[in-house]
Amino acid sequence: MIETMAGMQAAYNREVHPQWEQQGFRFYRAVWVECAELLDHYGWKWWKHQRPDLAQVKLEIVDIWHFGMSDMLRAGTLRPDTAAAMLAPLVAVDAAAQHEPEAFRESVEQLALLSLRDQGFPLPAFVDVLRALPLPFDELFALYVGKNVLNSFRLAHGYKAGTYAKRWSGREDNEHLVELLAGLDCPPSEVPETLYAELSVRYQASRGS
């Protein structure tokens, strides 16, 4: 599963730029910005009632994982011979771990802080975020595959050129992704192709085509 994600991430990065490893992309910057978006979905304002949108919170964590893997792949720290040992704590996240809202918020802030301080990806801090929610590895993997497919779909439909419409029928594409993933009924090996086809149908319908 780890090798699958790493391979998918490297392939997607090549779609963005064939020489992505030499471009100096600031993956750490993307991480801390995604942390802020995550907290907005989770809720942090004490002066108003907020209900966590956990589906979107998890997708923001997956976005962070995209950038984190990219940083580690580029640095050469995430390799076939190192992956198992490096990511063992991530795989060991307990789905039944206790969730405490303020502790979760603080874990997200720590991830953002260390990303900015070190201008890299602090893997232990990311694992702490997974534990604090909690988000177990198998769910992270399933959501990663889904979001990776959506990212490729965006690129194929004009994301870099600015012609892609991120809102479909009044809702963000991430919301459609969560809904489609929940409704998929196919073998895991067929998820990428089936999901891409379902995204295409919804996207075209939202544009009146």
Protein backbone atom coordinates (compact mmCIF):
# COMPACT_ATOMS: atom_id res chain seq x y z
CA MET A 1 0.00 0.00 0.00
CA ILE A 2 2.86 2.39 0.82
CA GLU A 3 4.62 1.58 -2.45
CA THR A 4 1.34 2.07 -4.33
CA MET A 5 0.86 5.54 -2.86
CA ALA A 6 4.46 6.54 -3.48
CA GLY A 7 4.22 5.39 -7.08
CA MET A 8 0.94 7.23 -7.64
CA GLN A 9 2.37 10.40 -6.12
CA ALA A 10 5.49 10.35 -8.27
CA ALA A 11 3.35 9.76 -11.37
CA TYR A 12 1.03 12.65 -10.50
CA ASN A 13 3.97 14.95 -9.83
CA ARG A 14 5.30 14.15 -13.30
CA GLU A 15 1.92 15.18 -14.70
CA VAL A 16 2.34 18.54 -12.99
CA HIS A 17 5.92 18.92 -14.21
CA PRO A 18 8.10 16.24 -15.84
CA GLN A 19 11.14 17.46 -13.88
CA TRP A 20 9.28 18.12 -10.62
CA GLU A 21 12.19 16.95 -8.47
CA GLN A 22 14.42 19.73 -9.79
CA GLN A 23 11.91 22.61 -9.62
CA GLY A 24 12.25 23.56 -5.97
CA PHE A 25 8.52 23.39 -5.28
CA ARG A 26 7.80 24.52 -1.70
CA PHE A 27 5.95 21.47 -0.45
CA TYR A 28 6.30 22.65 3.15
CA ARG A 29 4.33 25.79 2.27
CA ALA A 30 1.49 23.72 0.87
CA VAL A 31 1.48 21.68 4.10
CA TRP A 32 0.94 24.60 6.46
CA VAL A 33 -1.69 26.20 4.22
CA GLU A 34 -3.56 22.88 4.12
CA CYS A 35 -3.35 22.81 7.93
CA ALA A 36 -5.23 26.12 8.06
CA GLU A 37 -7.88 24.83 5.66
CA LEU A 38 -8.18 21.68 7.79
CA LEU A 39 -8.88 23.72 10.91
CA ASP A 40 -11.54 25.72 9.09
CA HIS A 41 -13.35 22.48 8.23
CA TYR A 42 -12.89 21.18 11.78
CA GLY A 43 -13.89 24.39 13.55
CA TRP A 44 -11.87 26.61 15.85
CA LYS A 45 -14.01 29.75 16.39
CA TRP A 46 -15.09 30.04 19.98
CA TRP A 47 -17.57 32.84 19.26
CA LYS A 48 -19.93 30.76 17.09
CA HIS A 49 -21.34 27.28 16.87
CA GLN A 50 -19.36 25.02 14.55
CA ARG A 51 -19.78 21.37 13.70
CA PRO A 52 -16.72 19.52 12.35
CA ASP A 53 -17.02 18.38 8.75
CA LEU A 54 -14.98 15.22 9.31
CA ALA A 55 -15.19 14.07 5.69
CA GLN A 56 -13.51 17.27 4.53
CA VAL A 57 -11.08 17.24 7.48
CA LYS A 58 -9.88 13.82 6.36
CA LEU A 59 -9.48 14.99 2.78
CA GLU A 60 -7.35 17.91 3.96
CA ILE A 61 -5.16 15.42 5.84
CA VAL A 62 -4.88 13.43 2.62
CA ASP A 63 -3.84 16.61 0.77
CA ILE A 64 -1.12 17.12 3.36
CA TRP A 65 0.01 13.54 2.80
CA HIS A 66 0.32 14.24 -0.96
CA PHE A 67 2.73 17.08 -0.24
CA GLY A 68 4.51 15.19 2.53
CA MET A 69 5.24 12.21 0.33
CA SER A 70 6.39 14.55 -2.44
CA ASP A 71 8.85 16.17 -0.06
CA MET A 72 10.20 12.83 1.16
CA LEU A 73 10.45 11.37 -2.35
CA ARG A 74 12.37 14.39 -3.57
CA ALA A 75 14.69 14.29 -0.54
CA GLY A 76 15.35 10.60 -1.14
CA THR A 77 14.29 9.62 2.36
CA LEU A 78 11.25 7.66 1.18
CA ARG A 79 12.70 4.69 -0.70
CA PRO A 80 11.74 1.01 -1.04
CA ASP A 81 14.42 0.06 1.49
CA THR A 82 13.39 2.69 4.05
CA ALA A 83 9.60 2.95 3.63
CA ALA A 84 8.54 0.12 5.96
CA ALA A 85 10.57 1.34 8.93
CA MET A 86 9.83 5.03 8.34
CA LEU A 87 6.09 4.58 8.06
CA ALA A 88 5.54 1.89 10.69
CA PRO A 89 4.11 4.44 13.20
CA LEU A 90 1.66 5.64 10.54
CA VAL A 91 0.52 2.08 9.84
CA ALA A 92 0.10 1.47 13.58
CA VAL A 93 -2.42 4.30 14.15
CA ASP A 94 -5.25 2.94 16.30
CA ALA A 95 -8.72 3.54 14.84
CA ALA A 96 -10.17 3.35 18.35
CA ALA A 97 -7.88 5.99 19.86
CA GLN A 98 -9.57 8.63 21.98
CA HIS A 99 -10.38 11.92 20.27
CA GLU A 100 -10.07 15.21 22.16
CA PRO A 101 -10.90 18.29 20.06
CA GLU A 102 -8.36 20.75 21.47
CA ALA A 103 -5.58 18.17 21.39
CA PHE A 104 -6.38 17.56 17.73
CA ARG A 105 -6.26 21.28 16.92
CA GLU A 106 -2.92 21.59 18.70
CA SER A 107 -1.50 18.62 16.76
CA VAL A 108 -2.45 20.36 13.50
CA GLU A 109 -0.82 23.59 14.66
CA GLN A 110 2.35 21.70 15.60
CA LEU A 111 2.49 20.17 12.14
CA ALA A 112 2.17 23.62 10.57
CA LEU A 113 4.76 25.11 12.93
CA LEU A 114 7.39 22.44 12.27
CA SER A 115 6.78 22.56 8.52
CA LEU A 116 7.47 26.30 8.54
CA ARG A 117 10.41 26.08 10.92
CA ASP A 118 12.24 23.31 9.10
CA GLN A 119 10.89 23.94 5.58
CA GLY A 120 10.30 20.22 5.23
CA PHE A 121 7.83 17.52 6.17
CA PRO A 122 7.83 16.52 9.86
CA LEU A 123 6.56 12.95 9.57
CA PRO A 124 6.21 12.33 13.37
CA ALA A 125 4.00 15.43 13.67
CA PHE A 126 1.84 14.15 10.81
CA VAL A 127 1.47 10.81 12.57
CA ASP A 128 0.38 12.71 15.69
CA VAL A 129 -2.41 14.34 13.65
CA LEU A 130 -3.58 10.91 12.47
CA ARG A 131 -3.57 9.60 16.03
CA ALA A 132 -5.40 12.60 17.43
CA LEU A 133 -8.34 12.36 15.03
CA PRO A 134 -7.89 9.30 14.64
CA LEU A 135 -7.43 8.41 10.95
CA PRO A 136 -6.19 4.80 10.52
CA PHE A 137 -3.87 3.80 7.72
CA ASP A 138 -6.36 1.79 5.67
CA GLU A 139 -8.74 4.74 5.53
CA LEU A 140 -5.90 7.13 4.70
CA PHE A 141 -4.95 4.81 1.83
CA ALA A 142 -8.49 4.62 0.43
CA LEU A 143 -8.96 8.38 0.59
CA TYR A 144 -5.52 8.97 -0.90
CA VAL A 145 -6.34 6.86 -3.95
CA GLY A 146 -9.60 8.77 -4.39
CA LYS A 147 -8.02 12.21 -4.07
CA ASN A 148 -5.16 11.26 -6.36
CA VAL A 149 -7.70 10.33 -9.04
CA LEU A 150 -9.50 13.67 -8.52
CA ASN A 151 -6.21 15.56 -8.81
CA SER A 152 -5.43 13.85 -12.12
CA PHE A 153 -8.98 14.60 -13.27
CA ARG A 154 -8.49 18.27 -12.43
CA LEU A 155 -5.26 18.44 -14.43
CA ALA A 156 -6.90 16.77 -17.42
CA HIS A 157 -9.71 19.32 -17.34
CA GLY A 158 -7.73 22.54 -17.25
CA TYR A 159 -6.66 23.01 -13.62
CA LYS A 160 -3.25 24.46 -14.50
CA ALA A 161 -4.69 26.67 -17.24
CA GLY A 162 -7.39 28.03 -14.92
CA THR A 163 -10.30 26.68 -16.96
CA TYR A 164 -11.35 23.94 -14.55
CA ALA A 165 -14.54 24.60 -12.56
CA LYS A 166 -13.93 23.45 -8.99
CA ARG A 167 -17.58 23.92 -7.98
CA TRP A 168 -20.04 21.52 -9.56
CA SER A 169 -23.73 22.28 -9.21
CA GLY A 170 -23.05 24.54 -6.23
CA ARG A 171 -20.71 22.15 -4.36
CA GLU A 172 -16.94 21.73 -4.33
CA ASP A 173 -15.51 18.77 -6.21
CA ASN A 174 -14.15 17.39 -2.92
CA GLU A 175 -17.74 16.99 -1.70
CA HIS A 176 -18.67 15.08 -4.84
CA LEU A 177 -15.58 12.92 -4.37
CA VAL A 178 -16.59 11.89 -0.83
CA GLU A 179 -20.09 11.05 -2.03
CA LEU A 180 -18.87 9.01 -4.99
CA LEU A 181 -16.32 7.09 -2.92
CA ALA A 182 -19.01 6.11 -0.44
CA GLY A 183 -21.19 4.78 -3.24
CA LEU A 184 -18.60 2.79 -5.18
CA ASP A 185 -19.29 -0.91 -5.48
CA CYS A 186 -16.35 -2.44 -7.33
CA PRO A 187 -13.11 -4.35 -6.58
CA PRO A 188 -10.28 -2.18 -5.18
CA SER A 189 -8.25 -2.65 -8.36
CA GLU A 190 -11.06 -1.03 -10.37
CA VAL A 191 -11.54 1.99 -8.09
CA PRO A 192 -9.29 4.45 -10.00
CA GLU A 193 -10.87 3.82 -13.40
CA THR A 194 -14.43 3.61 -12.08
CA LEU A 195 -14.08 6.73 -9.94
CA TYR A 196 -12.58 8.71 -12.82
CA ALA A 197 -15.56 7.74 -15.01
CA GLU A 198 -18.06 8.76 -12.31
CA LEU A 199 -16.30 12.09 -11.82
CA SER A 200 -16.50 12.71 -15.57
CA VAL A 201 -20.25 12.08 -15.61
CA ARG A 202 -20.91 14.49 -12.76
CA TYR A 203 -18.58 17.16 -14.08
CA GLN A 204 -20.12 17.16 -17.53
CA ALA A 205 -23.63 17.19 -16.07
CA SER A 206 -22.77 20.22 -13.93
CA ARG A 207 -21.62 22.07 -17.03
CA GLY A 208 -24.78 21.26 -18.96
CA SER A 209 -23.06 18.89 -21.40
